[in-house]
Protein backbone atom coordinates (compact mmCIF):
# COMPACT_ATOMS: atom_id res chain seq x y z
CA MET A 1 -15.00 2.69 23.24
CA ASP A 2 -16.94 -0.03 21.49
CA ASP A 3 -15.31 -3.21 20.18
CA ILE A 4 -15.53 -2.30 16.49
CA GLU A 5 -13.78 1.01 17.11
CA ALA A 6 -11.15 -0.78 19.20
CA LEU A 7 -10.46 -3.16 16.29
CA LYS A 8 -10.17 -0.24 13.85
CA ARG A 9 -7.62 1.38 16.16
CA LEU A 10 -5.75 -1.92 16.49
CA LYS A 11 -5.31 -2.12 12.71
CA ALA A 12 -4.30 1.55 12.51
CA ARG A 13 -1.66 0.89 15.18
CA TYR A 14 -0.44 -2.09 13.14
CA CYS A 15 0.15 0.10 10.06
CA ARG A 16 1.82 2.87 12.07
CA THR A 17 4.15 0.62 14.06
CA LEU A 18 5.07 -1.36 10.94
CA ASP A 19 5.96 1.73 8.94
CA THR A 20 7.84 3.42 11.78
CA LYS A 21 9.67 0.16 12.61
CA ASP A 22 8.39 0.29 16.19
CA TRP A 23 8.74 -3.46 16.74
CA ASP A 24 8.27 -3.20 20.52
CA GLY A 25 5.07 -1.22 19.99
CA MET A 26 3.87 -3.69 17.40
CA ARG A 27 4.41 -6.87 19.43
CA PRO A 28 1.36 -6.40 21.77
CA ILE A 29 -0.90 -6.08 18.72
CA PHE A 30 -0.61 -9.84 18.17
CA ALA A 31 -1.69 -12.83 20.24
CA ASP A 32 1.32 -14.85 21.39
CA ASP A 33 0.33 -17.73 19.09
CA ALA A 34 -0.65 -15.56 16.13
CA VAL A 35 -0.38 -17.01 12.63
CA VAL A 36 0.67 -14.74 9.75
CA ASP A 37 0.08 -16.17 6.27
CA THR A 38 1.62 -14.37 3.28
CA THR A 39 1.65 -17.34 0.88
CA GLY A 40 -0.81 -15.51 -1.38
CA SER A 41 1.82 -12.81 -1.74
CA GLY A 42 4.80 -15.05 -2.41
CA GLY A 43 5.79 -15.44 1.25
CA GLY A 44 5.18 -18.15 3.80
CA VAL A 45 3.41 -18.86 7.07
CA ILE A 46 4.89 -17.61 10.34
CA THR A 47 3.59 -18.95 13.64
CA GLY A 48 4.05 -16.95 16.82
CA ALA A 49 4.16 -13.21 17.40
CA ASP A 50 7.82 -13.27 18.45
CA ALA A 51 8.78 -15.14 15.28
CA PHE A 52 6.87 -12.57 13.22
CA MET A 53 8.68 -9.69 14.93
CA THR A 54 12.01 -11.38 14.16
CA PHE A 55 10.97 -11.81 10.52
CA LEU A 56 10.00 -8.15 10.20
CA ARG A 57 13.24 -6.95 11.79
CA GLU A 58 15.27 -9.10 9.39
CA HIS A 59 13.33 -8.26 6.22
CA LEU A 60 12.00 -4.70 6.56
CA ALA A 61 14.18 -2.78 9.03
CA ASP A 62 16.28 -1.07 6.35
CA HIS A 63 13.48 -0.34 3.90
CA VAL A 64 10.87 2.42 3.69
CA THR A 65 7.34 1.03 3.94
CA VAL A 66 3.90 2.61 3.71
CA HIS A 67 0.80 0.58 4.58
CA HIS A 68 -2.78 1.79 4.21
CA CYS A 69 -5.72 -0.30 5.43
CA HIS A 70 -9.26 0.87 4.87
CA MET A 71 -12.89 -0.13 4.33
CA PRO A 72 -13.02 -2.60 7.25
CA GLU A 73 -15.62 -5.34 7.28
CA ILE A 74 -15.63 -6.34 10.95
CA THR A 75 -17.92 -8.97 12.46
CA LEU A 76 -18.09 -9.66 16.19
CA THR A 77 -18.47 -13.43 16.46
CA SER A 78 -18.64 -13.53 20.28
CA PRO A 79 -17.85 -11.16 23.16
CA SER A 80 -14.17 -12.11 22.77
CA THR A 81 -13.71 -13.00 19.09
CA ALA A 82 -14.12 -11.20 15.78
CA THR A 83 -13.26 -11.41 12.10
CA GLY A 84 -12.24 -8.66 9.74
CA ILE A 85 -11.39 -8.02 6.11
CA TRP A 86 -9.41 -4.88 5.25
CA ALA A 87 -8.68 -3.47 1.81
CA MET A 88 -5.00 -2.59 1.72
CA GLU A 89 -2.27 -0.91 -0.27
CA ASP A 90 1.38 -1.23 0.60
CA ARG A 91 4.56 0.22 -0.77
CA ILE A 92 8.07 -0.94 -0.05
CA ARG A 93 11.10 0.96 -1.28
CA TRP A 94 14.20 -1.16 -0.85
CA ALA A 95 17.34 0.46 0.52
CA GLY A 96 19.23 -0.36 -2.70
CA GLY A 97 16.48 1.00 -4.95
CA GLY A 98 13.48 -0.63 -6.50
CA GLU A 99 9.94 -0.58 -5.24
CA LEU A 100 6.97 -2.84 -4.61
CA ILE A 101 3.44 -1.46 -4.79
CA GLY A 102 0.76 -3.92 -3.78
CA PHE A 103 -3.01 -3.99 -3.51
CA GLY A 104 -5.15 -6.60 -1.83
CA HIS A 105 -6.80 -7.58 1.43
CA TYR A 106 -5.99 -8.67 4.94
CA HIS A 107 -8.32 -11.42 6.22
CA GLU A 108 -8.05 -11.54 10.00
CA THR A 109 -9.36 -13.05 13.20
CA TYR A 110 -9.11 -11.34 16.56
CA GLU A 111 -9.33 -12.35 20.19
CA LYS A 112 -10.00 -10.26 23.25
CA THR A 113 -8.15 -11.23 26.42
CA GLY A 114 -7.86 -9.15 29.56
CA GLY A 115 -10.02 -6.49 27.91
CA THR A 116 -7.58 -6.03 25.00
CA TRP A 117 -8.10 -7.01 21.36
CA ARG A 118 -5.24 -8.72 19.51
CA ILE A 119 -4.73 -10.12 16.03
CA LYS A 120 -4.96 -13.92 16.18
CA THR A 121 -4.55 -14.72 12.47
CA THR A 122 -3.88 -12.61 9.43
CA THR A 123 -3.77 -13.69 5.79
CA LEU A 124 -2.57 -11.31 3.10
CA THR A 125 -4.07 -11.77 -0.35
CA ARG A 126 -3.05 -9.80 -3.43
CA LEU A 127 -5.08 -8.43 -6.31
CA ARG A 128 -2.15 -6.66 -7.95
CA LEU A 129 1.58 -6.39 -7.36
CA ASP A 130 3.77 -3.91 -9.26
CA MET A 131 7.54 -4.07 -8.88
CA THR A 132 10.32 -1.91 -10.24
CA GLU A 133 13.99 -2.84 -10.26
CA PRO A 134 16.66 -0.55 -8.87
CA ALA A 135 18.33 1.77 -11.36
CA PRO A 136 21.67 0.41 -12.65
């Protein structure tokens, strides 16, 4: 499999493991020192893959999520590094009702170690964010 296809599969695995709450399956997707930046979406910056897994468990475990990533723009910058931009749509339905529907992009860097690609940095930007409150 070529590197671009491997990176597409990596991102597909990210969406699947996130939405199925497979935190153990998701952890190897990220470099140990990964940086996740959601400030453009009202969040913060999380450093470290383990810290990100803890954050996800605490904030999304009880909610239904659907993430779609498509139209990748992937550039191999060396034999072991790459960048990518993914158009995305996500939906979160909170356990108590209410829903978030978001549209935007993931801007990412990747590193290949031991023959395996991992996400090194990811920044979520938003073009639109629709939210509904839970019914009374």
